[in-house]
């Protein structure tokens, strides 16, 4: 099993949490990014820098992640592509993407994109904090346990 991370958008606290789990449970972590990012100096962590371009990292993740793997990402359309392929996906705030919630998650994402484009709302999610890190750690633990069975 591998845990892939969309490293361009993943908060460092979440990346560090995944590495801690990897060291305890013995799985590989692959950071995929469009530019060089800090890679923890552990043998279980690998960095893949993809050529720059729209959706290059997303395309790489969809092409290389396999059923039984887990991808950490915030990108709802990417998660949809992964879930359709049978790959587990989790956002850094601890919310799992699955077949049951993808339609709703895509609809909400599209609604907020439209509202931002119209100037009706601005900004995005709040700062990533300790509460988010704990929710992520709990969800990651549950999901890794389920994937290992």
N, C-alpha and C. Protein backbone atom coordinates (compact mmCIF):
# COMPACT_ATOMS: atom_id res chain seq x y z
N UNK A 1 0.84 -1.18 0.00
CA UNK A 1 0.00 0.00 0.00
C UNK A 1 0.88 1.24 0.00
N UNK A 2 0.42 2.24 -0.74
CA UNK A 2 1.09 3.54 -0.76
C UNK A 2 0.09 4.61 -0.37
N UNK A 3 0.63 5.66 0.23
CA UNK A 3 -0.15 6.86 0.46
C UNK A 3 0.48 7.94 -0.40
N UNK A 4 -0.32 8.47 -1.31
CA UNK A 4 0.10 9.52 -2.21
C UNK A 4 -0.41 10.85 -1.65
N UNK A 5 0.38 11.90 -1.80
CA UNK A 5 -0.03 13.22 -1.32
C UNK A 5 0.10 14.22 -2.45
N UNK A 6 -1.00 14.93 -2.71
CA UNK A 6 -0.97 16.06 -3.64
C UNK A 6 -0.25 17.17 -2.87
N UNK A 7 1.07 17.21 -2.99
CA UNK A 7 1.91 18.01 -2.10
C UNK A 7 1.84 19.51 -2.36
N UNK A 8 1.38 19.92 -3.52
CA UNK A 8 1.29 21.36 -3.80
C UNK A 8 0.27 22.04 -2.89
N UNK A 9 -0.77 21.32 -2.49
CA UNK A 9 -1.86 21.94 -1.74
C UNK A 9 -2.06 21.37 -0.34
N UNK A 10 -1.26 20.42 0.05
CA UNK A 10 -1.46 19.77 1.35
C UNK A 10 -0.71 20.52 2.45
N UNK A 11 -1.40 20.87 3.53
CA UNK A 11 -0.71 21.55 4.64
C UNK A 11 0.42 20.70 5.22
N UNK A 12 1.47 21.35 5.61
CA UNK A 12 2.65 20.65 6.14
C UNK A 12 2.29 19.78 7.35
N UNK A 13 1.41 20.26 8.22
CA UNK A 13 1.02 19.46 9.40
C UNK A 13 0.40 18.13 8.97
N UNK A 14 -0.39 18.14 7.91
CA UNK A 14 -1.00 16.90 7.43
C UNK A 14 0.06 15.99 6.81
N UNK A 15 0.96 16.56 6.02
CA UNK A 15 2.05 15.75 5.43
C UNK A 15 2.87 15.10 6.53
N UNK A 16 3.21 15.87 7.56
CA UNK A 16 4.01 15.34 8.67
C UNK A 16 3.27 14.22 9.40
N UNK A 17 1.96 14.36 9.52
CA UNK A 17 1.14 13.33 10.17
C UNK A 17 1.20 12.03 9.38
N UNK A 18 1.10 12.12 8.06
CA UNK A 18 1.17 10.93 7.21
C UNK A 18 2.53 10.25 7.38
N UNK A 19 3.59 11.02 7.41
CA UNK A 19 4.93 10.44 7.57
C UNK A 19 5.05 9.73 8.92
N UNK A 20 4.51 10.31 9.97
CA UNK A 20 4.54 9.64 11.29
C UNK A 20 3.82 8.30 11.23
N UNK A 21 2.67 8.26 10.58
CA UNK A 21 1.94 7.00 10.43
C UNK A 21 2.75 6.01 9.61
N UNK A 22 3.41 6.48 8.54
CA UNK A 22 4.21 5.60 7.68
C UNK A 22 5.37 4.97 8.45
N UNK A 23 6.01 5.75 9.30
CA UNK A 23 7.12 5.22 10.09
C UNK A 23 6.65 4.14 11.06
N UNK A 24 5.46 4.32 11.63
CA UNK A 24 4.91 3.34 12.57
C UNK A 24 4.37 2.10 11.88
N UNK A 25 3.73 2.30 10.72
CA UNK A 25 3.00 1.21 10.09
C UNK A 25 3.70 0.61 8.87
N UNK A 26 4.78 1.22 8.45
CA UNK A 26 5.58 0.64 7.38
C UNK A 26 4.99 0.70 5.99
N UNK A 27 4.57 1.85 5.55
CA UNK A 27 4.13 2.00 4.16
C UNK A 27 4.89 3.13 3.50
N UNK A 28 4.83 3.20 2.19
CA UNK A 28 5.53 4.22 1.42
C UNK A 28 4.64 5.45 1.25
N UNK A 29 5.27 6.63 1.31
CA UNK A 29 4.59 7.90 1.08
C UNK A 29 5.21 8.51 -0.18
N UNK A 30 4.35 8.91 -1.12
CA UNK A 30 4.84 9.54 -2.34
C UNK A 30 4.24 10.94 -2.42
N UNK A 31 5.12 11.95 -2.35
CA UNK A 31 4.71 13.34 -2.50
C UNK A 31 4.76 13.67 -3.99
N UNK A 32 3.66 14.15 -4.54
CA UNK A 32 3.61 14.53 -5.95
C UNK A 32 3.37 16.03 -6.01
N UNK A 33 4.27 16.73 -6.72
CA UNK A 33 4.18 18.18 -6.76
C UNK A 33 4.61 18.72 -8.12
N UNK A 34 4.15 19.91 -8.42
CA UNK A 34 4.54 20.59 -9.65
C UNK A 34 5.84 21.36 -9.50
N UNK A 35 6.33 21.45 -8.27
CA UNK A 35 7.61 22.11 -7.99
C UNK A 35 8.22 21.42 -6.78
N UNK A 36 9.50 21.62 -6.58
CA UNK A 36 10.18 20.97 -5.46
C UNK A 36 9.57 21.44 -4.13
N UNK A 37 9.31 20.50 -3.26
CA UNK A 37 8.83 20.79 -1.91
C UNK A 37 9.76 20.06 -0.94
N UNK A 38 9.75 20.49 0.31
CA UNK A 38 10.59 19.84 1.32
C UNK A 38 10.16 18.39 1.49
N UNK A 39 11.13 17.48 1.40
CA UNK A 39 10.86 16.06 1.57
C UNK A 39 11.51 15.59 2.86
N UNK A 40 10.72 15.03 3.77
CA UNK A 40 11.31 14.49 4.99
C UNK A 40 12.38 13.45 4.64
N UNK A 41 13.46 13.45 5.39
CA UNK A 41 14.61 12.59 5.09
C UNK A 41 14.44 11.18 5.65
N UNK A 42 13.40 10.50 5.22
CA UNK A 42 13.16 9.11 5.63
C UNK A 42 13.06 8.27 4.37
N UNK A 43 13.55 7.04 4.43
CA UNK A 43 13.55 6.16 3.27
C UNK A 43 12.15 5.86 2.76
N UNK A 44 11.14 5.96 3.62
CA UNK A 44 9.78 5.62 3.21
C UNK A 44 9.10 6.75 2.43
N UNK A 45 9.77 7.89 2.27
CA UNK A 45 9.18 9.05 1.61
C UNK A 45 9.91 9.33 0.31
N UNK A 46 9.11 9.45 -0.76
CA UNK A 46 9.67 9.75 -2.08
C UNK A 46 8.99 10.99 -2.62
N UNK A 47 9.72 11.80 -3.37
CA UNK A 47 9.18 13.00 -4.00
C UNK A 47 9.20 12.83 -5.50
N UNK A 48 8.05 13.09 -6.14
CA UNK A 48 7.96 13.10 -7.60
C UNK A 48 7.57 14.51 -8.00
N UNK A 49 8.44 15.15 -8.77
CA UNK A 49 8.15 16.48 -9.29
C UNK A 49 7.74 16.30 -10.74
N UNK A 50 6.50 16.67 -11.04
CA UNK A 50 5.97 16.52 -12.40
C UNK A 50 6.22 17.80 -13.19
N UNK A 51 6.23 17.70 -14.52
CA UNK A 51 6.38 18.92 -15.32
C UNK A 51 5.25 19.89 -15.00
N UNK A 52 5.56 21.17 -15.02
CA UNK A 52 4.52 22.14 -14.71
C UNK A 52 3.47 22.14 -15.80
N UNK A 53 2.29 22.52 -15.43
CA UNK A 53 1.18 22.57 -16.37
C UNK A 53 -0.11 22.31 -15.64
N UNK A 54 -1.19 22.72 -16.24
CA UNK A 54 -2.48 22.52 -15.57
C UNK A 54 -2.77 21.03 -15.35
N UNK A 55 -3.07 20.70 -14.13
CA UNK A 55 -3.46 19.34 -13.74
C UNK A 55 -2.39 18.28 -13.93
N UNK A 56 -1.12 18.66 -14.09
CA UNK A 56 -0.06 17.66 -14.29
C UNK A 56 0.06 16.73 -13.08
N UNK A 57 0.05 17.30 -11.87
CA UNK A 57 0.14 16.47 -10.67
C UNK A 57 -1.10 15.60 -10.53
N UNK A 58 -2.27 16.17 -10.81
CA UNK A 58 -3.52 15.40 -10.73
C UNK A 58 -3.48 14.22 -11.69
N UNK A 59 -3.06 14.48 -12.93
CA UNK A 59 -3.00 13.41 -13.93
C UNK A 59 -2.02 12.32 -13.50
N UNK A 60 -0.89 12.71 -12.92
CA UNK A 60 0.09 11.74 -12.45
C UNK A 60 -0.52 10.86 -11.35
N UNK A 61 -1.21 11.49 -10.40
CA UNK A 61 -1.83 10.74 -9.31
C UNK A 61 -2.86 9.75 -9.83
N UNK A 62 -3.70 10.19 -10.74
CA UNK A 62 -4.74 9.30 -11.29
C UNK A 62 -4.10 8.14 -12.05
N UNK A 63 -3.03 8.43 -12.78
CA UNK A 63 -2.37 7.39 -13.57
C UNK A 63 -1.64 6.37 -12.71
N UNK A 64 -1.03 6.80 -11.60
CA UNK A 64 -0.17 5.91 -10.83
C UNK A 64 -0.78 5.32 -9.57
N UNK A 65 -1.73 5.97 -8.95
CA UNK A 65 -2.36 5.41 -7.75
C UNK A 65 -3.24 4.24 -8.16
N UNK A 66 -3.27 3.22 -7.32
CA UNK A 66 -4.00 2.00 -7.65
C UNK A 66 -5.01 1.69 -6.54
N UNK A 67 -6.03 0.90 -6.85
CA UNK A 67 -6.95 0.48 -5.80
C UNK A 67 -6.16 -0.14 -4.64
N UNK A 68 -6.54 0.22 -3.42
CA UNK A 68 -5.80 -0.20 -2.24
C UNK A 68 -4.86 0.88 -1.73
N UNK A 69 -4.58 1.87 -2.59
CA UNK A 69 -3.77 3.02 -2.19
C UNK A 69 -4.69 4.10 -1.64
N UNK A 70 -4.08 5.10 -1.03
CA UNK A 70 -4.80 6.25 -0.50
C UNK A 70 -4.15 7.52 -1.04
N UNK A 71 -4.97 8.48 -1.46
CA UNK A 71 -4.46 9.77 -1.91
C UNK A 71 -5.01 10.85 -0.99
N UNK A 72 -4.10 11.71 -0.51
CA UNK A 72 -4.47 12.86 0.31
C UNK A 72 -4.54 14.06 -0.62
N UNK A 73 -5.74 14.65 -0.75
CA UNK A 73 -5.90 15.78 -1.66
C UNK A 73 -7.09 16.64 -1.23
N UNK A 74 -7.04 17.90 -1.61
CA UNK A 74 -8.15 18.82 -1.35
C UNK A 74 -9.00 19.05 -2.58
N UNK A 75 -8.52 18.64 -3.71
CA UNK A 75 -9.11 18.91 -5.01
C UNK A 75 -10.29 17.95 -5.26
N UNK A 76 -11.50 18.46 -5.26
CA UNK A 76 -12.69 17.62 -5.39
C UNK A 76 -12.75 16.93 -6.75
N UNK A 77 -12.52 17.62 -7.89
CA UNK A 77 -12.52 16.90 -9.17
C UNK A 77 -11.46 15.80 -9.23
N UNK A 78 -10.29 16.03 -8.65
CA UNK A 78 -9.26 14.99 -8.58
C UNK A 78 -9.77 13.81 -7.77
N UNK A 79 -10.35 14.08 -6.61
CA UNK A 79 -10.88 13.01 -5.77
C UNK A 79 -11.94 12.21 -6.51
N UNK A 80 -12.78 12.89 -7.30
CA UNK A 80 -13.80 12.20 -8.08
C UNK A 80 -13.16 11.21 -9.05
N UNK A 81 -12.12 11.65 -9.74
CA UNK A 81 -11.42 10.77 -10.69
C UNK A 81 -10.82 9.57 -9.97
N UNK A 82 -10.25 9.80 -8.79
CA UNK A 82 -9.64 8.71 -8.03
C UNK A 82 -10.67 7.71 -7.53
N UNK A 83 -11.76 8.23 -6.97
CA UNK A 83 -12.81 7.36 -6.43
C UNK A 83 -13.40 6.50 -7.56
N UNK A 84 -13.59 7.08 -8.72
CA UNK A 84 -14.10 6.30 -9.87
C UNK A 84 -13.14 5.20 -10.26
N UNK A 85 -11.86 5.38 -9.98
CA UNK A 85 -10.84 4.37 -10.28
C UNK A 85 -10.71 3.34 -9.16
N UNK A 86 -11.39 3.57 -8.03
CA UNK A 86 -11.32 2.64 -6.91
C UNK A 86 -10.23 2.96 -5.92
N UNK A 87 -9.69 4.17 -5.98
CA UNK A 87 -8.63 4.61 -5.06
C UNK A 87 -9.27 5.41 -3.93
N UNK A 88 -8.85 5.14 -2.70
CA UNK A 88 -9.37 5.88 -1.54
C UNK A 88 -8.80 7.29 -1.56
N UNK A 89 -9.62 8.26 -1.14
CA UNK A 89 -9.18 9.66 -1.11
C UNK A 89 -9.67 10.32 0.17
N UNK A 90 -8.80 11.14 0.75
CA UNK A 90 -9.07 11.81 2.03
C UNK A 90 -8.54 13.23 1.93
N UNK A 91 -9.33 14.20 2.40
CA UNK A 91 -8.80 15.56 2.38
C UNK A 91 -8.04 15.83 3.68
N UNK A 92 -7.16 16.83 3.70
CA UNK A 92 -6.31 17.09 4.87
C UNK A 92 -7.07 17.52 6.12
N UNK A 93 -8.37 17.73 6.00
CA UNK A 93 -9.18 18.09 7.17
C UNK A 93 -9.96 16.89 7.70
N UNK A 94 -9.68 15.70 7.14
CA UNK A 94 -10.25 14.47 7.66
C UNK A 94 -11.57 14.05 7.03
N UNK A 95 -11.94 14.66 5.91
CA UNK A 95 -13.19 14.27 5.24
C UNK A 95 -12.87 13.31 4.11
N UNK A 96 -13.46 12.13 4.20
CA UNK A 96 -13.23 11.12 3.17
C UNK A 96 -14.11 11.40 1.95
N UNK A 97 -13.54 11.15 0.80
CA UNK A 97 -14.28 11.19 -0.46
C UNK A 97 -14.69 9.75 -0.78
N UNK A 98 -15.96 9.54 -1.13
CA UNK A 98 -16.39 8.21 -1.55
C UNK A 98 -17.55 8.32 -2.53
N UNK A 99 -17.99 7.18 -3.04
CA UNK A 99 -19.05 7.16 -4.06
C UNK A 99 -20.33 7.83 -3.55
N UNK A 100 -20.61 7.68 -2.25
CA UNK A 100 -21.86 8.20 -1.68
C UNK A 100 -21.86 9.73 -1.60
N UNK A 101 -20.69 10.36 -1.40
CA UNK A 101 -20.70 11.81 -1.20
C UNK A 101 -20.10 12.61 -2.35
N UNK A 102 -19.61 11.96 -3.39
CA UNK A 102 -18.94 12.70 -4.47
C UNK A 102 -19.89 13.64 -5.20
N UNK A 103 -21.10 13.22 -5.46
CA UNK A 103 -22.05 14.09 -6.16
C UNK A 103 -22.28 15.38 -5.38
N UNK A 104 -22.52 15.24 -4.09
CA UNK A 104 -22.75 16.41 -3.24
C UNK A 104 -21.50 17.28 -3.15
N UNK A 105 -20.34 16.66 -2.98
CA UNK A 105 -19.09 17.43 -2.86
C UNK A 105 -18.81 18.20 -4.15
N UNK A 106 -19.05 17.57 -5.30
CA UNK A 106 -18.85 18.27 -6.58
C UNK A 106 -19.83 19.42 -6.73
N UNK A 107 -21.08 19.19 -6.35
CA UNK A 107 -22.11 20.24 -6.48
C UNK A 107 -21.77 21.45 -5.60
N UNK A 108 -21.35 21.21 -4.37
CA UNK A 108 -20.99 22.30 -3.47
C UNK A 108 -19.77 23.04 -4.01
N UNK A 109 -18.79 22.31 -4.48
CA UNK A 109 -17.59 22.93 -5.04
C UNK A 109 -17.95 23.82 -6.22
N UNK A 110 -18.79 23.30 -7.12
CA UNK A 110 -19.19 24.07 -8.30
C UNK A 110 -20.01 25.31 -7.91
N UNK A 111 -20.89 25.17 -6.92
CA UNK A 111 -21.68 26.30 -6.45
C UNK A 111 -20.77 27.41 -5.93
N UNK A 112 -19.80 27.06 -5.07
CA UNK A 112 -18.91 28.08 -4.52
C UNK A 112 -18.00 28.68 -5.58
N UNK A 113 -17.61 27.89 -6.57
CA UNK A 113 -16.83 28.44 -7.68
C UNK A 113 -17.64 29.49 -8.43
N UNK A 114 -18.90 29.17 -8.70
CA UNK A 114 -19.77 30.13 -9.39
C UNK A 114 -19.98 31.39 -8.54
N UNK A 115 -20.22 31.22 -7.24
CA UNK A 115 -20.44 32.37 -6.37
C UNK A 115 -19.20 33.26 -6.28
N UNK A 116 -18.01 32.64 -6.24
CA UNK A 116 -16.78 33.43 -6.21
C UNK A 116 -16.61 34.20 -7.52
N UNK A 117 -16.89 33.55 -8.64
CA UNK A 117 -16.76 34.21 -9.94
C UNK A 117 -17.73 35.38 -10.08
N UNK A 118 -18.89 35.31 -9.44
CA UNK A 118 -19.88 36.39 -9.48
C UNK A 118 -19.60 37.46 -8.42
N UNK A 119 -18.62 37.22 -7.57
CA UNK A 119 -18.28 38.17 -6.52
C UNK A 119 -19.21 38.11 -5.32
N UNK A 120 -20.07 37.08 -5.25
CA UNK A 120 -21.02 36.95 -4.15
C UNK A 120 -20.34 36.48 -2.86
N UNK A 121 -19.27 35.73 -2.98
CA UNK A 121 -18.49 35.28 -1.82
C UNK A 121 -17.02 35.44 -2.17
N UNK A 122 -16.19 35.48 -1.14
CA UNK A 122 -14.76 35.56 -1.39
C UNK A 122 -14.04 34.65 -0.42
N UNK A 123 -12.78 34.42 -0.69
CA UNK A 123 -11.97 33.60 0.21
C UNK A 123 -12.23 32.12 0.06
N UNK A 124 -11.59 31.38 0.91
CA UNK A 124 -11.73 29.92 0.90
C UNK A 124 -11.84 29.42 2.31
N UNK A 125 -11.27 28.26 2.55
CA UNK A 125 -11.31 27.67 3.87
C UNK A 125 -10.43 28.47 4.83
N UNK A 126 -10.73 28.34 6.10
CA UNK A 126 -9.93 29.01 7.11
C UNK A 126 -8.56 28.37 7.25
N UNK A 127 -7.74 28.95 8.09
CA UNK A 127 -6.39 28.43 8.33
C UNK A 127 -6.46 27.01 8.89
N UNK A 128 -5.48 26.21 8.52
CA UNK A 128 -5.38 24.84 9.00
C UNK A 128 -4.83 24.87 10.42
N UNK A 129 -5.57 24.28 11.34
CA UNK A 129 -5.16 24.35 12.74
C UNK A 129 -5.12 23.00 13.42
N UNK A 130 -4.95 23.04 14.72
CA UNK A 130 -4.83 21.82 15.51
C UNK A 130 -6.09 20.95 15.43
N UNK A 131 -7.23 21.58 15.41
CA UNK A 131 -8.49 20.82 15.32
C UNK A 131 -8.56 20.06 13.99
N UNK A 132 -8.12 20.71 12.90
CA UNK A 132 -8.09 20.06 11.59
C UNK A 132 -7.09 18.90 11.60
N UNK A 133 -5.91 19.14 12.19
CA UNK A 133 -4.88 18.09 12.25
C UNK A 133 -5.39 16.87 13.00
N UNK A 134 -6.11 17.09 14.11
CA UNK A 134 -6.62 15.97 14.89
C UNK A 134 -7.71 15.22 14.13
N UNK A 135 -8.61 15.94 13.47
CA UNK A 135 -9.65 15.29 12.66
C UNK A 135 -9.01 14.47 11.54
N UNK A 136 -7.96 15.03 10.93
CA UNK A 136 -7.26 14.32 9.87
C UNK A 136 -6.59 13.05 10.42
N UNK A 137 -5.90 13.16 11.55
CA UNK A 137 -5.22 12.00 12.14
C UNK A 137 -6.21 10.89 12.46
N UNK A 138 -7.37 11.24 13.02
CA UNK A 138 -8.38 10.23 13.34
C UNK A 138 -8.92 9.56 12.08
N UNK A 139 -9.23 10.35 11.06
CA UNK A 139 -9.75 9.79 9.81
C UNK A 139 -8.69 8.95 9.11
N UNK A 140 -7.44 9.42 9.13
CA UNK A 140 -6.34 8.68 8.51
C UNK A 140 -6.17 7.34 9.18
N UNK A 141 -6.21 7.30 10.49
CA UNK A 141 -6.09 6.04 11.23
C UNK A 141 -7.19 5.07 10.84
N UNK A 142 -8.43 5.55 10.82
CA UNK A 142 -9.56 4.67 10.45
C UNK A 142 -9.41 4.15 9.03
N UNK A 143 -9.06 5.03 8.11
CA UNK A 143 -8.97 4.65 6.71
C UNK A 143 -7.81 3.69 6.45
N UNK A 144 -6.66 3.94 7.06
CA UNK A 144 -5.52 3.02 6.89
C UNK A 144 -5.85 1.65 7.45
N UNK A 145 -6.52 1.60 8.59
CA UNK A 145 -6.91 0.33 9.17
C UNK A 145 -7.84 -0.42 8.22
N UNK A 146 -8.81 0.28 7.65
CA UNK A 146 -9.74 -0.34 6.71
C UNK A 146 -9.01 -0.83 5.45
N UNK A 147 -8.08 -0.05 4.93
CA UNK A 147 -7.36 -0.44 3.72
C UNK A 147 -6.43 -1.62 3.94
N UNK A 148 -5.94 -1.78 5.16
CA UNK A 148 -5.01 -2.89 5.47
C UNK A 148 -5.72 -4.24 5.57
N UNK A 149 -7.04 -4.22 5.72
CA UNK A 149 -7.78 -5.49 5.87
C UNK A 149 -7.91 -6.20 4.56
